[in-house]
Amino acid sequence: MSQTYQPNKRKRAKTHGFLSRTKTPGGRKVTQARRRKGRVRVSIKK
């Protein structure tokens, strides 16, 4: 059996990156919540 997680930087950025978060209202809420909490990283780096 193979591992479930097959890391891919591009796919990770496309699905969880800042630009994809800002496209949807829910994603914008996520970004706002993380900013409010004082997170160092709001979303993942490319």
N, C-alpha and C. Protein backbone atom coordinates (compact mmCIF):
# COMPACT_ATOMS: atom_id res chain seq x y z
N MET A 1 0.83 -1.20 0.00
CA MET A 1 0.00 0.00 0.00
C MET A 1 0.87 1.26 0.00
N SER A 2 0.44 2.23 -0.77
CA SER A 2 1.23 3.48 -0.82
C SER A 2 0.72 4.46 0.23
N GLN A 3 1.56 5.48 0.52
CA GLN A 3 1.17 6.50 1.46
C GLN A 3 0.06 7.37 0.86
N THR A 4 -0.79 7.92 1.72
CA THR A 4 -1.91 8.74 1.26
C THR A 4 -1.43 10.10 0.79
N TYR A 5 -0.47 10.67 1.51
CA TYR A 5 0.01 12.03 1.22
C TYR A 5 1.18 12.01 0.26
N GLN A 6 0.94 12.51 -0.94
CA GLN A 6 1.99 12.59 -1.95
C GLN A 6 2.30 14.08 -2.15
N PRO A 7 3.30 14.63 -1.45
CA PRO A 7 3.54 16.07 -1.48
C PRO A 7 3.81 16.63 -2.87
N ASN A 8 3.19 17.78 -3.14
CA ASN A 8 3.39 18.47 -4.40
C ASN A 8 3.21 19.96 -4.11
N LYS A 9 4.29 20.72 -4.19
CA LYS A 9 4.28 22.13 -3.82
C LYS A 9 3.27 22.95 -4.61
N ARG A 10 3.19 22.69 -5.90
CA ARG A 10 2.28 23.46 -6.75
C ARG A 10 0.82 23.22 -6.39
N LYS A 11 0.46 21.96 -6.23
CA LYS A 11 -0.92 21.61 -5.88
C LYS A 11 -1.28 22.19 -4.52
N ARG A 12 -0.35 22.13 -3.58
CA ARG A 12 -0.57 22.67 -2.25
C ARG A 12 -0.85 24.17 -2.31
N ALA A 13 -0.06 24.89 -3.11
CA ALA A 13 -0.25 26.33 -3.26
C ALA A 13 -1.57 26.65 -3.97
N LYS A 14 -1.92 25.83 -4.96
CA LYS A 14 -3.15 26.06 -5.73
C LYS A 14 -4.40 25.86 -4.87
N THR A 15 -4.36 24.87 -3.97
CA THR A 15 -5.54 24.58 -3.16
C THR A 15 -5.60 25.37 -1.86
N HIS A 16 -4.45 25.59 -1.23
CA HIS A 16 -4.44 26.25 0.07
C HIS A 16 -3.74 27.60 0.09
N GLY A 17 -3.30 28.06 -1.06
CA GLY A 17 -2.56 29.31 -1.15
C GLY A 17 -3.42 30.54 -0.93
N PHE A 18 -2.77 31.67 -0.83
CA PHE A 18 -3.44 32.94 -0.54
C PHE A 18 -4.43 33.34 -1.63
N LEU A 19 -4.02 33.19 -2.88
CA LEU A 19 -4.90 33.59 -3.99
C LEU A 19 -6.17 32.77 -4.05
N SER A 20 -6.05 31.46 -3.84
CA SER A 20 -7.23 30.61 -3.87
C SER A 20 -8.15 30.89 -2.68
N ARG A 21 -7.56 31.32 -1.56
CA ARG A 21 -8.36 31.67 -0.38
C ARG A 21 -9.16 32.95 -0.64
N THR A 22 -8.53 33.93 -1.31
CA THR A 22 -9.21 35.21 -1.53
C THR A 22 -10.32 35.11 -2.58
N LYS A 23 -10.34 34.05 -3.36
CA LYS A 23 -11.35 33.91 -4.41
C LYS A 23 -12.74 33.60 -3.86
N THR A 24 -12.82 32.88 -2.74
CA THR A 24 -14.12 32.51 -2.18
C THR A 24 -14.42 33.27 -0.90
N PRO A 25 -15.69 33.53 -0.61
CA PRO A 25 -16.05 34.25 0.62
C PRO A 25 -15.60 33.50 1.88
N GLY A 26 -15.71 32.18 1.85
CA GLY A 26 -15.28 31.36 2.98
C GLY A 26 -13.78 31.46 3.21
N GLY A 27 -13.04 31.48 2.10
CA GLY A 27 -11.58 31.60 2.18
C GLY A 27 -11.15 32.93 2.75
N ARG A 28 -11.89 33.98 2.40
CA ARG A 28 -11.60 35.31 2.94
C ARG A 28 -11.86 35.33 4.45
N LYS A 29 -12.89 34.61 4.87
CA LYS A 29 -13.18 34.51 6.31
C LYS A 29 -12.05 33.81 7.05
N VAL A 30 -11.52 32.78 6.43
CA VAL A 30 -10.40 32.02 7.00
C VAL A 30 -9.20 32.95 7.21
N THR A 31 -8.88 33.72 6.17
CA THR A 31 -7.75 34.65 6.22
C THR A 31 -7.96 35.69 7.32
N GLN A 32 -9.16 36.24 7.39
CA GLN A 32 -9.48 37.24 8.42
C GLN A 32 -9.34 36.67 9.82
N ALA A 33 -9.86 35.45 10.00
CA ALA A 33 -9.81 34.79 11.31
C ALA A 33 -8.37 34.55 11.74
N ARG A 34 -7.54 34.13 10.80
CA ARG A 34 -6.13 33.86 11.11
C ARG A 34 -5.38 35.15 11.43
N ARG A 35 -5.73 36.23 10.71
CA ARG A 35 -5.13 37.54 11.00
C ARG A 35 -5.53 38.00 12.39
N ARG A 36 -6.82 37.86 12.71
CA ARG A 36 -7.36 38.27 14.01
C ARG A 36 -6.67 37.52 15.14
N LYS A 37 -6.42 36.24 14.91
CA LYS A 37 -5.77 35.42 15.92
C LYS A 37 -4.30 35.80 16.10
N GLY A 38 -3.74 36.43 15.06
CA GLY A 38 -2.34 36.85 15.14
C GLY A 38 -1.37 35.81 14.64
N ARG A 39 -1.79 35.06 13.66
CA ARG A 39 -0.93 34.02 13.08
C ARG A 39 0.24 34.66 12.34
N VAL A 40 1.39 34.01 12.43
CA VAL A 40 2.56 34.50 11.70
C VAL A 40 2.33 34.26 10.21
N ARG A 41 1.84 33.06 9.87
CA ARG A 41 1.53 32.72 8.48
C ARG A 41 0.02 32.64 8.30
N VAL A 42 -0.49 33.54 7.44
CA VAL A 42 -1.93 33.56 7.17
C VAL A 42 -2.31 32.40 6.25
N SER A 43 -1.49 32.18 5.22
CA SER A 43 -1.66 31.02 4.34
C SER A 43 -0.26 30.54 3.94
N ILE A 44 -0.23 29.41 3.24
CA ILE A 44 1.08 28.82 2.93
C ILE A 44 1.84 29.60 1.86
N LYS A 45 3.15 29.51 1.94
CA LYS A 45 4.01 30.15 0.95
C LYS A 45 4.08 29.30 -0.30
N LYS A 46 4.33 29.91 -1.43
CA LYS A 46 4.46 29.16 -2.68
C LYS A 46 5.77 28.41 -2.74
